[in-house]
């Protein structure tokens, strides 16, 4: 699974650090898992699923189907959890 996650991160064209920042995960968690080819905890997978809805979980877990869930495909890049998105509304 972790190698497919690495493939998804590369597909998105972002660094592991940026990916983790978006998900609210410590970069060493993912980097260590990739380096040692180990799994990550379900709470981390949950954060990934919440922040990258275009990632097909069947593909991630089982290697079945397409990497991208076309129904949830989002052309915009998710914003890091630490960054507040504020919009000025004009009335």
C-alpha atoms as a PDB file:
ATOM      1  CA  UNK A   1       0.000   0.000   0.000  1.00  0.00           C
ATOM      2  CA  UNK A   2       2.719   2.498   0.888  1.00  0.00           C
ATOM      3  CA  UNK A   3       4.304   2.184  -2.545  1.00  0.00           C
ATOM      4  CA  UNK A   4       0.949   3.020  -4.148  1.00  0.00           C
ATOM      5  CA  UNK A   5       0.679   6.022  -1.838  1.00  0.00           C
ATOM      6  CA  UNK A   6       4.133   7.129  -2.983  1.00  0.00           C
ATOM      7  CA  UNK A   7       2.963   6.738  -6.581  1.00  0.00           C
ATOM      8  CA  UNK A   8      -0.092   8.918  -5.847  1.00  0.00           C
ATOM      9  CA  UNK A   9       2.058  11.635  -4.263  1.00  0.00           C
ATOM     10  CA  UNK A  10       4.309  11.626  -7.333  1.00  0.00           C
ATOM     11  CA  UNK A  11       1.243  11.759  -9.593  1.00  0.00           C
ATOM     12  CA  UNK A  12       0.011  14.848  -7.713  1.00  0.00           C
ATOM     13  CA  UNK A  13       3.395  16.466  -8.340  1.00  0.00           C
ATOM     14  CA  UNK A  14       3.945  17.444  -4.732  1.00  0.00           C
ATOM     15  CA  UNK A  15       6.581  16.561  -2.183  1.00  0.00           C
ATOM     16  CA  UNK A  16       5.986  14.157   0.674  1.00  0.00           C
ATOM     17  CA  UNK A  17       6.390  17.155   2.979  1.00  0.00           C
ATOM     18  CA  UNK A  18       3.640  19.112   1.179  1.00  0.00           C
ATOM     19  CA  UNK A  19       1.390  16.030   1.084  1.00  0.00           C
ATOM     20  CA  UNK A  20       1.799  15.588   4.834  1.00  0.00           C
ATOM     21  CA  UNK A  21       1.232  19.268   5.476  1.00  0.00           C
ATOM     22  CA  UNK A  22      -2.072  19.101   3.598  1.00  0.00           C
ATOM     23  CA  UNK A  23      -3.145  16.029   5.585  1.00  0.00           C
ATOM     24  CA  UNK A  24      -1.891  17.196   8.959  1.00  0.00           C
ATOM     25  CA  UNK A  25       0.543  14.287   9.232  1.00  0.00           C
ATOM     26  CA  UNK A  26       4.158  14.454  10.381  1.00  0.00           C
ATOM     27  CA  UNK A  27       6.355  14.108   7.258  1.00  0.00           C
ATOM     28  CA  UNK A  28       8.597  11.550   8.959  1.00  0.00           C
ATOM     29  CA  UNK A  29       5.605   9.215   9.339  1.00  0.00           C
ATOM     30  CA  UNK A  30       5.127   8.855   5.600  1.00  0.00           C
ATOM     31  CA  UNK A  31       8.817   9.141   4.675  1.00  0.00           C
ATOM     32  CA  UNK A  32       9.768   6.382   7.119  1.00  0.00           C
ATOM     33  CA  UNK A  33       6.967   4.142   5.857  1.00  0.00           C
ATOM     34  CA  UNK A  34       8.107   4.679   2.260  1.00  0.00           C
ATOM     35  CA  UNK A  35      11.774   4.072   3.096  1.00  0.00           C
ATOM     36  CA  UNK A  36      11.109   0.961   5.188  1.00  0.00           C
ATOM     37  CA  UNK A  37       8.150  -0.207   3.061  1.00  0.00           C
ATOM     38  CA  UNK A  38       5.910  -0.426   6.116  1.00  0.00           C
ATOM     39  CA  UNK A  39       2.277   0.461   6.676  1.00  0.00           C
ATOM     40  CA  UNK A  40       0.793   3.532   8.295  1.00  0.00           C
ATOM     41  CA  UNK A  41      -1.910   3.652  10.935  1.00  0.00           C
ATOM     42  CA  UNK A  42      -5.580   3.826  10.054  1.00  0.00           C
ATOM     43  CA  UNK A  43      -5.950   7.300  11.560  1.00  0.00           C
ATOM     44  CA  UNK A  44      -3.349   8.564   9.085  1.00  0.00           C
ATOM     45  CA  UNK A  45      -5.126   6.818   6.202  1.00  0.00           C
ATOM     46  CA  UNK A  46      -8.342   8.487   7.345  1.00  0.00           C
ATOM     47  CA  UNK A  47      -6.687  11.921   7.146  1.00  0.00           C
ATOM     48  CA  UNK A  48      -5.417  11.107   3.659  1.00  0.00           C
ATOM     49  CA  UNK A  49      -8.885   9.997   2.530  1.00  0.00           C
ATOM     50  CA  UNK A  50     -10.463  13.175   3.910  1.00  0.00           C
ATOM     51  CA  UNK A  51      -7.970  15.476   2.203  1.00  0.00           C
ATOM     52  CA  UNK A  52      -7.504  13.653  -1.104  1.00  0.00           C
ATOM     53  CA  UNK A  53     -10.995  12.543  -2.059  1.00  0.00           C
ATOM     54  CA  UNK A  54      -9.826  11.853  -5.607  1.00  0.00           C
ATOM     55  CA  UNK A  55      -7.602   9.009  -4.341  1.00  0.00           C
ATOM     56  CA  UNK A  56      -9.460   5.748  -4.861  1.00  0.00           C
ATOM     57  CA  UNK A  57      -9.203   3.791  -1.618  1.00  0.00           C
ATOM     58  CA  UNK A  58      -9.767   0.426  -3.367  1.00  0.00           C
ATOM     59  CA  UNK A  59      -6.720   1.157  -5.479  1.00  0.00           C
ATOM     60  CA  UNK A  60      -4.708   2.308  -2.475  1.00  0.00           C
ATOM     61  CA  UNK A  61      -5.510  -0.731  -0.319  1.00  0.00           C
ATOM     62  CA  UNK A  62      -5.962  -3.479  -2.896  1.00  0.00           C
ATOM     63  CA  UNK A  63      -4.310  -2.230  -6.067  1.00  0.00           C
ATOM     64  CA  UNK A  64      -7.641  -2.695  -7.854  1.00  0.00           C
ATOM     65  CA  UNK A  65      -9.094  -0.215 -10.314  1.00  0.00           C
ATOM     66  CA  UNK A  66      -7.854   3.252 -11.068  1.00  0.00           C
ATOM     67  CA  UNK A  67      -5.710   5.425  -8.812  1.00  0.00           C
ATOM     68  CA  UNK A  68      -8.047   8.360  -9.338  1.00  0.00           C
ATOM     69  CA  UNK A  69     -11.672   8.294  -8.291  1.00  0.00           C
ATOM     70  CA  UNK A  70     -13.157  10.275 -11.181  1.00  0.00           C
ATOM     71  CA  UNK A  71     -16.368  11.019  -9.256  1.00  0.00           C
ATOM     72  CA  UNK A  72     -14.403  12.929  -6.655  1.00  0.00           C
ATOM     73  CA  UNK A  73     -11.733  14.332  -8.937  1.00  0.00           C
ATOM     74  CA  UNK A  74     -10.780  17.821  -7.863  1.00  0.00           C
ATOM     75  CA  UNK A  75      -8.658  19.979 -10.133  1.00  0.00           C
ATOM     76  CA  UNK A  76      -7.664  22.254  -7.269  1.00  0.00           C
ATOM     77  CA  UNK A  77      -4.961  21.417  -4.810  1.00  0.00           C
ATOM     78  CA  UNK A  78      -6.073  20.920  -1.207  1.00  0.00           C
ATOM     79  CA  UNK A  79      -4.857  23.556   1.214  1.00  0.00           C
ATOM     80  CA  UNK A  80      -2.729  22.677   4.241  1.00  0.00           C
ATOM     81  CA  UNK A  81      -4.697  22.137   7.418  1.00  0.00           C
ATOM     82  CA  UNK A  82      -2.663  24.799   9.203  1.00  0.00           C
ATOM     83  CA  UNK A  83      -3.622  27.432   6.667  1.00  0.00           C
ATOM     84  CA  UNK A  84      -6.915  29.217   7.141  1.00  0.00           C
ATOM     85  CA  UNK A  85      -8.811  29.976   3.992  1.00  0.00           C
ATOM     86  CA  UNK A  86     -10.515  33.316   4.290  1.00  0.00           C
ATOM     87  CA  UNK A  87     -12.460  35.056   1.585  1.00  0.00           C
ATOM     88  CA  UNK A  88     -13.530  38.636   1.581  1.00  0.00           C
ATOM     89  CA  UNK A  89     -17.158  38.818   0.675  1.00  0.00           C
ATOM     90  CA  UNK A  90     -18.526  41.914  -0.940  1.00  0.00           C
ATOM     91  CA  UNK A  91     -22.150  42.862  -0.301  1.00  0.00           C
END
